[in-house]
Each structure stands twice: as C-alpha cells, then as structure tokens.
PDB file of N, CA and C in Angstrom:
ATOM      1  N   UNK A   1      37.508 116.500 111.901  1.00  0.00           N
ATOM      2  CA  UNK A   1      38.548 115.506 112.117  1.00  0.00           C
ATOM      3  C   UNK A   1      38.378 114.408 111.070  1.00  0.00           C
ATOM      4  N   UNK A   2      39.463 114.045 110.449  1.00  0.00           N
ATOM      5  CA  UNK A   2      39.368 113.021 109.411  1.00  0.00           C
ATOM      6  C   UNK A   2      39.759 111.650 109.929  1.00  0.00           C
ATOM      7  N   UNK A   3      39.998 111.554 111.228  1.00  0.00           N
ATOM      8  CA  UNK A   3      40.426 110.283 111.790  1.00  0.00           C
ATOM      9  C   UNK A   3      39.226 109.411 112.132  1.00  0.00           C
ATOM     10  N   UNK A   4      38.717 108.736 111.114  1.00  0.00           N
ATOM     11  CA  UNK A   4      37.535 107.884 111.300  1.00  0.00           C
ATOM     12  C   UNK A   4      37.787 106.784 112.322  1.00  0.00           C
ATOM     13  N   UNK A   5      39.001 106.262 112.356  1.00  0.00           N
ATOM     14  CA  UNK A   5      39.324 105.189 113.296  1.00  0.00           C
ATOM     15  C   UNK A   5      39.141 105.658 114.735  1.00  0.00           C
ATOM     16  N   UNK A   6      39.530 106.887 115.020  1.00  0.00           N
ATOM     17  CA  UNK A   6      39.384 107.429 116.378  1.00  0.00           C
ATOM     18  C   UNK A   6      37.907 107.531 116.747  1.00  0.00           C
ATOM     19  N   UNK A   7      37.089 108.011 115.817  1.00  0.00           N
ATOM     20  CA  UNK A   7      35.659 108.177 116.083  1.00  0.00           C
ATOM     21  C   UNK A   7      35.002 106.826 116.348  1.00  0.00           C
ATOM     22  N   UNK A   8      35.311 105.841 115.533  1.00  0.00           N
ATOM     23  CA  UNK A   8      34.743 104.508 115.715  1.00  0.00           C
ATOM     24  C   UNK A   8      35.222 103.913 117.033  1.00  0.00           C
ATOM     25  N   UNK A   9      36.501 104.072 117.338  1.00  0.00           N
ATOM     26  CA  UNK A   9      37.077 103.545 118.573  1.00  0.00           C
ATOM     27  C   UNK A   9      36.407 104.170 119.804  1.00  0.00           C
ATOM     28  N   UNK A  10      36.218 105.484 119.781  1.00  0.00           N
ATOM     29  CA  UNK A  10      35.592 106.192 120.900  1.00  0.00           C
ATOM     30  C   UNK A  10      34.158 105.711 121.089  1.00  0.00           C
ATOM     31  N   UNK A  11      33.410 105.625 120.008  1.00  0.00           N
ATOM     32  CA  UNK A  11      32.016 105.205 120.080  1.00  0.00           C
ATOM     33  C   UNK A  11      31.890 103.762 120.571  1.00  0.00           C
ATOM     34  N   UNK A  12      32.733 102.878 120.029  1.00  0.00           N
ATOM     35  CA  UNK A  12      32.676 101.473 120.445  1.00  0.00           C
ATOM     36  C   UNK A  12      33.041 101.320 121.921  1.00  0.00           C
ATOM     37  N   UNK A  13      34.027 102.080 122.379  1.00  0.00           N
ATOM     38  CA  UNK A  13      34.414 102.024 123.789  1.00  0.00           C
ATOM     39  C   UNK A  13      33.261 102.497 124.662  1.00  0.00           C
ATOM     40  N   UNK A  14      32.643 103.610 124.296  1.00  0.00           N
ATOM     41  CA  UNK A  14      31.534 104.160 125.075  1.00  0.00           C
ATOM     42  C   UNK A  14      30.361 103.181 125.145  1.00  0.00           C
ATOM     43  N   UNK A  15      30.117 102.471 124.058  1.00  0.00           N
ATOM     44  CA  UNK A  15      28.984 101.557 124.005  1.00  0.00           C
ATOM     45  C   UNK A  15      29.165 100.305 124.866  1.00  0.00           C
ATOM     46  N   UNK A  16      30.350 100.101 125.426  1.00  0.00           N
ATOM     47  CA  UNK A  16      30.567  98.967 126.332  1.00  0.00           C
ATOM     48  C   UNK A  16      29.990  99.240 127.721  1.00  0.00           C
ATOM     49  N   UNK A  17      29.609 100.496 127.968  1.00  0.00           N
ATOM     50  CA  UNK A  17      29.161 100.894 129.305  1.00  0.00           C
ATOM     51  C   UNK A  17      27.692 101.286 129.318  1.00  0.00           C
ATOM     52  N   UNK A  18      27.070 101.100 130.485  1.00  0.00           N
ATOM     53  CA  UNK A  18      25.667 101.505 130.639  1.00  0.00           C
ATOM     54  C   UNK A  18      25.552 102.978 130.990  1.00  0.00           C
ATOM     55  N   UNK A  19      26.618 103.562 131.497  1.00  0.00           N
ATOM     56  CA  UNK A  19      26.589 104.962 131.913  1.00  0.00           C
ATOM     57  C   UNK A  19      26.342 105.898 130.732  1.00  0.00           C
ATOM     58  N   UNK A  20      25.808 107.069 131.050  1.00  0.00           N
ATOM     59  CA  UNK A  20      25.670 108.142 130.074  1.00  0.00           C
ATOM     60  C   UNK A  20      27.046 108.791 129.914  1.00  0.00           C
ATOM     61  N   UNK A  21      27.514 108.921 128.687  1.00  0.00           N
ATOM     62  CA  UNK A  21      28.824 109.515 128.426  1.00  0.00           C
ATOM     63  C   UNK A  21      28.620 110.630 127.405  1.00  0.00           C
ATOM     64  N   UNK A  22      28.827 111.862 127.869  1.00  0.00           N
ATOM     65  CA  UNK A  22      28.525 113.031 127.046  1.00  0.00           C
ATOM     66  C   UNK A  22      29.763 113.903 126.917  1.00  0.00           C
ATOM     67  N   UNK A  23      30.049 114.304 125.689  1.00  0.00           N
ATOM     68  CA  UNK A  23      31.181 115.170 125.391  1.00  0.00           C
ATOM     69  C   UNK A  23      30.679 116.597 125.267  1.00  0.00           C
ATOM     70  N   UNK A  24      31.309 117.513 125.997  1.00  0.00           N
ATOM     71  CA  UNK A  24      30.933 118.920 125.904  1.00  0.00           C
ATOM     72  C   UNK A  24      31.973 119.639 125.076  1.00  0.00           C
ATOM     73  N   UNK A  25      31.526 120.271 124.003  1.00  0.00           N
ATOM     74  CA  UNK A  25      32.389 121.062 123.136  1.00  0.00           C
ATOM     75  C   UNK A  25      31.796 122.460 123.096  1.00  0.00           C
ATOM     76  N   UNK A  26      32.399 123.381 123.829  1.00  0.00           N
ATOM     77  CA  UNK A  26      31.865 124.729 124.004  1.00  0.00           C
ATOM     78  C   UNK A  26      30.439 124.621 124.524  1.00  0.00           C
ATOM     79  N   UNK A  27      29.427 125.027 123.762  1.00  0.00           N
ATOM     80  CA  UNK A  27      28.061 124.966 124.281  1.00  0.00           C
ATOM     81  C   UNK A  27      27.257 123.813 123.701  1.00  0.00           C
ATOM     82  N   UNK A  28      27.939 122.850 123.074  1.00  0.00           N
ATOM     83  CA  UNK A  28      27.260 121.680 122.509  1.00  0.00           C
ATOM     84  C   UNK A  28      27.535 120.453 123.368  1.00  0.00           C
ATOM     85  N   UNK A  29      26.537 119.595 123.471  1.00  0.00           N
ATOM     86  CA  UNK A  29      26.676 118.341 124.207  1.00  0.00           C
ATOM     87  C   UNK A  29      26.394 117.192 123.259  1.00  0.00           C
ATOM     88  N   UNK A  30      27.337 116.255 123.173  1.00  0.00           N
ATOM     89  CA  UNK A  30      27.217 115.153 122.219  1.00  0.00           C
ATOM     90  C   UNK A  30      27.320 113.824 122.952  1.00  0.00           C
ATOM     91  N   UNK A  31      26.380 112.930 122.685  1.00  0.00           N
ATOM     92  CA  UNK A  31      26.442 111.577 123.217  1.00  0.00           C
ATOM     93  C   UNK A  31      27.546 110.850 122.455  1.00  0.00           C
ATOM     94  N   UNK A  32      28.607 110.424 123.159  1.00  0.00           N
ATOM     95  CA  UNK A  32      29.721 109.798 122.448  1.00  0.00           C
ATOM     96  C   UNK A  32      29.392 108.403 121.930  1.00  0.00           C
ATOM     97  N   UNK A  33      28.233 107.881 122.288  1.00  0.00           N
ATOM     98  CA  UNK A  33      27.815 106.600 121.726  1.00  0.00           C
ATOM     99  C   UNK A  33      27.286 106.785 120.309  1.00  0.00           C
ATOM    100  N   UNK A  34      27.109 108.042 119.899  1.00  0.00           N
ATOM    101  CA  UNK A  34      26.614 108.372 118.563  1.00  0.00           C
ATOM    102  C   UNK A  34      27.770 108.707 117.638  1.00  0.00           C
ATOM    103  N   UNK A  35      28.024 107.831 116.668  1.00  0.00           N
ATOM    104  CA  UNK A  35      29.109 108.077 115.718  1.00  0.00           C
ATOM    105  C   UNK A  35      28.844 109.360 114.932  1.00  0.00           C
ATOM    106  N   UNK A  36      27.607 109.586 114.529  1.00  0.00           N
ATOM    107  CA  UNK A  36      27.273 110.782 113.763  1.00  0.00           C
ATOM    108  C   UNK A  36      27.567 112.048 114.561  1.00  0.00           C
ATOM    109  N   UNK A  37      27.209 112.045 115.839  1.00  0.00           N
ATOM    110  CA  UNK A  37      27.491 113.200 116.689  1.00  0.00           C
ATOM    111  C   UNK A  37      28.978 113.485 116.778  1.00  0.00           C
ATOM    112  N   UNK A  38      29.770 112.441 116.879  1.00  0.00           N
ATOM    113  CA  UNK A  38      31.219 112.608 116.952  1.00  0.00           C
ATOM    114  C   UNK A  38      31.784 113.152 115.637  1.00  0.00           C
ATOM    115  N   UNK A  39      31.290 112.652 114.513  1.00  0.00           N
ATOM    116  CA  UNK A  39      31.776 113.116 113.217  1.00  0.00           C
ATOM    117  C   UNK A  39      31.579 114.620 113.050  1.00  0.00           C
ATOM    118  N   UNK A  40      30.462 115.136 113.563  1.00  0.00           N
ATOM    119  CA  UNK A  40      30.167 116.550 113.373  1.00  0.00           C
ATOM    120  C   UNK A  40      30.818 117.441 114.418  1.00  0.00           C
ATOM    121  N   UNK A  41      31.455 116.853 115.419  1.00  0.00           N
ATOM    122  CA  UNK A  41      31.960 117.642 116.535  1.00  0.00           C
ATOM    123  C   UNK A  41      33.460 117.550 116.766  1.00  0.00           C
ATOM    124  N   UNK A  42      34.024 116.353 116.675  1.00  0.00           N
ATOM    125  CA  UNK A  42      35.432 116.174 117.045  1.00  0.00           C
ATOM    126  C   UNK A  42      36.369 116.839 116.047  1.00  0.00           C
ATOM    127  N   UNK A  43      37.242 117.688 116.567  1.00  0.00           N
ATOM    128  CA  UNK A  43      38.259 118.342 115.748  1.00  0.00           C
ATOM    129  C   UNK A  43      39.561 118.294 116.538  1.00  0.00           C
ATOM    130  N   UNK A  44      40.615 117.853 115.916  1.00  0.00           N
ATOM    131  CA  UNK A  44      41.911 117.808 116.601  1.00  0.00           C
ATOM    132  C   UNK A  44      42.310 119.211 117.024  1.00  0.00           C
ATOM    133  N   UNK A  45      42.943 119.297 118.174  1.00  0.00           N
ATOM    134  CA  UNK A  45      43.430 120.584 118.638  1.00  0.00           C
ATOM    135  C   UNK A  45      42.452 121.294 119.561  1.00  0.00           C
ATOM    136  N   UNK A  46      41.199 120.917 119.537  1.00  0.00           N
ATOM    137  CA  UNK A  46      40.231 121.501 120.456  1.00  0.00           C
ATOM    138  C   UNK A  46      40.283 120.746 121.774  1.00  0.00           C
ATOM    139  N   UNK A  47      39.810 121.396 122.825  1.00  0.00           N
ATOM    140  CA  UNK A  47      39.719 120.684 124.106  1.00  0.00           C
ATOM    141  C   UNK A  47      38.251 120.467 124.440  1.00  0.00           C
ATOM    142  N   UNK A  48      37.997 119.368 125.091  1.00  0.00           N
ATOM    143  CA  UNK A  48      36.633 118.953 125.389  1.00  0.00           C
ATOM    144  C   UNK A  48      36.530 118.531 126.839  1.00  0.00           C
ATOM    145  N   UNK A  49      35.300 118.527 127.337  1.00  0.00           N
ATOM    146  CA  UNK A  49      35.037 117.985 128.667  1.00  0.00           C
ATOM    147  C   UNK A  49      34.144 116.769 128.501  1.00  0.00           C
ATOM    148  N   UNK A  50      34.420 115.739 129.278  1.00  0.00           N
ATOM    149  CA  UNK A  50      33.643 114.508 129.210  1.00  0.00           C
ATOM    150  C   UNK A  50      32.898 114.326 130.522  1.00  0.00           C
ATOM    151  N   UNK A  51      31.581 114.182 130.420  1.00  0.00           N
ATOM    152  CA  UNK A  51      30.724 113.998 131.590  1.00  0.00           C
ATOM    153  C   UNK A  51      30.218 112.558 131.586  1.00  0.00           C
ATOM    154  N   UNK A  52      30.459 111.831 132.673  1.00  0.00           N
ATOM    155  CA  UNK A  52      30.059 110.423 132.754  1.00  0.00           C
ATOM    156  C   UNK A  52      29.204 110.215 133.999  1.00  0.00           C
ATOM    157  N   UNK A  53      28.005 109.671 133.815  1.00  0.00           N
ATOM    158  CA  UNK A  53      27.089 109.413 134.929  1.00  0.00           C
ATOM    159  C   UNK A  53      26.475 108.036 134.756  1.00  0.00           C
ATOM    160  N   UNK A  54      26.458 107.257 135.818  1.00  0.00           N
ATOM    161  CA  UNK A  54      25.793 105.965 135.745  1.00  0.00           C
ATOM    162  C   UNK A  54      26.434 104.922 136.627  1.00  0.00           C
ATOM    163  N   UNK A  55      25.915 103.699 136.536  1.00  0.00           N
ATOM    164  CA  UNK A  55      26.333 102.627 137.440  1.00  0.00           C
ATOM    165  C   UNK A  55      27.781 102.171 137.256  1.00  0.00           C
ATOM    166  N   UNK A  56      28.329 102.356 136.067  1.00  0.00           N
ATOM    167  CA  UNK A  56      29.718 101.942 135.825  1.00  0.00           C
ATOM    168  C   UNK A  56      30.581 103.139 135.420  1.00  0.00           C
ATOM    169  N   UNK A  57      30.275 104.291 136.012  1.00  0.00           N
ATOM    170  CA  UNK A  57      30.933 105.546 135.635  1.00  0.00           C
ATOM    171  C   UNK A  57      32.448 105.511 135.823  1.00  0.00           C
ATOM    172  N   UNK A  58      32.928 104.947 136.923  1.00  0.00           N
ATOM    173  CA  UNK A  58      34.378 104.950 137.169  1.00  0.00           C
ATOM    174  C   UNK A  58      35.121 104.158 136.104  1.00  0.00           C
ATOM    175  N   UNK A  59      34.603 102.984 135.763  1.00  0.00           N
ATOM    176  CA  UNK A  59      35.233 102.165 134.725  1.00  0.00           C
ATOM    177  C   UNK A  59      35.152 102.875 133.371  1.00  0.00           C
ATOM    178  N   UNK A  60      34.017 103.506 133.118  1.00  0.00           N
ATOM    179  CA  UNK A  60      33.829 104.213 131.847  1.00  0.00           C
ATOM    180  C   UNK A  60      34.799 105.386 131.734  1.00  0.00           C
ATOM    181  N   UNK A  61      34.980 106.130 132.827  1.00  0.00           N
ATOM    182  CA  UNK A  61      35.908 107.273 132.807  1.00  0.00           C
ATOM    183  C   UNK A  61      37.322 106.808 132.464  1.00  0.00           C
ATOM    184  N   UNK A  62      37.752 105.724 133.092  1.00  0.00           N
ATOM    185  CA  UNK A  62      39.099 105.212 132.853  1.00  0.00           C
ATOM    186  C   UNK A  62      39.271 104.777 131.401  1.00  0.00           C
ATOM    187  N   UNK A  63      38.295 104.046 130.880  1.00  0.00           N
ATOM    188  CA  UNK A  63      38.383 103.552 129.501  1.00  0.00           C
ATOM    189  C   UNK A  63      38.336 104.696 128.501  1.00  0.00           C
ATOM    190  N   UNK A  64      37.482 105.686 128.757  1.00  0.00           N
ATOM    191  CA  UNK A  64      37.358 106.806 127.824  1.00  0.00           C
ATOM    192  C   UNK A  64      38.612 107.667 127.846  1.00  0.00           C
ATOM    193  N   UNK A  65      39.197 107.882 129.025  1.00  0.00           N
ATOM    194  CA  UNK A  65      40.433 108.662 129.120  1.00  0.00           C
ATOM    195  C   UNK A  65      41.523 107.983 128.296  1.00  0.00           C
ATOM    196  N   UNK A  66      41.568 106.667 128.389  1.00  0.00           N
ATOM    197  CA  UNK A  66      42.575 105.886 127.655  1.00  0.00           C
ATOM    198  C   UNK A  66      42.390 106.014 126.139  1.00  0.00           C
ATOM    199  N   UNK A  67      41.159 105.885 125.662  1.00  0.00           N
ATOM    200  CA  UNK A  67      40.915 105.923 124.216  1.00  0.00           C
ATOM    201  C   UNK A  67      41.128 107.334 123.654  1.00  0.00           C
ATOM    202  N   UNK A  68      40.763 108.366 124.399  1.00  0.00           N
ATOM    203  CA  UNK A  68      41.014 109.735 123.919  1.00  0.00           C
ATOM    204  C   UNK A  68      42.514 110.005 123.870  1.00  0.00           C
ATOM    205  N   UNK A  69      43.249 109.570 124.896  1.00  0.00           N
ATOM    206  CA  UNK A  69      44.705 109.769 124.922  1.00  0.00           C
ATOM    207  C   UNK A  69      45.375 109.021 123.773  1.00  0.00           C
ATOM    208  N   UNK A  70      44.894 107.817 123.488  1.00  0.00           N
ATOM    209  CA  UNK A  70      45.455 106.994 122.410  1.00  0.00           C
ATOM    210  C   UNK A  70      45.388 107.727 121.072  1.00  0.00           C
ATOM    211  N   UNK A  71      44.344 108.536 120.899  1.00  0.00           N
ATOM    212  CA  UNK A  71      44.151 109.262 119.643  1.00  0.00           C
ATOM    213  C   UNK A  71      44.564 110.732 119.755  1.00  0.00           C
ATOM    214  N   UNK A  72      45.322 111.060 120.813  1.00  0.00           N
ATOM    215  CA  UNK A  72      45.850 112.411 121.021  1.00  0.00           C
ATOM    216  C   UNK A  72      44.775 113.490 121.005  1.00  0.00           C
ATOM    217  N   UNK A  73      43.659 113.205 121.653  1.00  0.00           N
ATOM    218  CA  UNK A  73      42.580 114.184 121.760  1.00  0.00           C
ATOM    219  C   UNK A  73      42.582 114.748 123.170  1.00  0.00           C
ATOM    220  N   UNK A  74      42.451 116.057 123.274  1.00  0.00           N
ATOM    221  CA  UNK A  74      42.515 116.746 124.557  1.00  0.00           C
ATOM    222  C   UNK A  74      41.155 116.736 125.238  1.00  0.00           C
ATOM    223  N   UNK A  75      40.992 115.833 126.210  1.00  0.00           N
ATOM    224  CA  UNK A  75      39.712 115.699 126.904  1.00  0.00           C
ATOM    225  C   UNK A  75      39.938 115.726 128.400  1.00  0.00           C
ATOM    226  N   UNK A  76      39.141 116.545 129.069  1.00  0.00           N
ATOM    227  CA  UNK A  76      39.182 116.606 130.534  1.00  0.00           C
ATOM    228  C   UNK A  76      37.969 115.854 131.048  1.00  0.00           C
ATOM    229  N   UNK A  77      38.207 114.865 131.896  1.00  0.00           N
ATOM    230  CA  UNK A  77      37.110 114.109 132.499  1.00  0.00           C
ATOM    231  C   UNK A  77      36.600 114.936 133.687  1.00  0.00           C
ATOM    232  N   UNK A  78      35.328 115.282 133.655  1.00  0.00           N
ATOM    233  CA  UNK A  78      34.740 116.119 134.696  1.00  0.00           C
ATOM    234  C   UNK A  78      34.173 115.230 135.801  1.00  0.00           C
ATOM    235  N   UNK A  79      34.595 115.522 137.020  1.00  0.00           N
ATOM    236  CA  UNK A  79      34.060 114.787 138.169  1.00  0.00           C
ATOM    237  C   UNK A  79      33.012 115.657 138.835  1.00  0.00           C
ATOM    238  N   UNK A  80      31.844 115.106 139.030  1.00  0.00           N
ATOM    239  CA  UNK A  80      30.762 115.879 139.635  1.00  0.00           C
ATOM    240  C   UNK A  80      30.675 115.640 141.119  1.00  0.00           C
TER     241      UNK A  80
END
C-alpha cells in the first residue's frame, strides 16, 4: 500500500489506547502501533481482522473501525 497517510493515521490512532490492537492478515499478526509492521502488511483490497484486548477495548474498537473506514480498508473487528 502506498498510502503512507493511512498507515500513520492508523498507528497514531492505535497509540492513543492502552489496549493491545493486533491486525490479522491471513496467518500473520501485526501490532498496529508499529508503523513498520503496517508498511509491510497493509495492502488495499485485502481483508483483515482486528483483535482488540484491554482496559479501553470498546473505545479502541470504535476509533479503529472509524480510521480504517476513512481510508477504505476492509477490516472486521473481532469480538471475543
């Protein structure tokens, strides 16, 4: 994905929360707080699952869903 703005936006949004926020892409798991991890993984047109665990998980899920939608990325928030 060449959309650097989306990667920075996703990482900055994730870093506002204490919860663990992990993106699953097929059999890879990437911490979305890591810009480098996102650069090597995010590709437009693919679908991803987002796993959020922690004290502010509900707020984090809402914010992450919003930022992924803003950048037209197909992400399913997984509820455990």
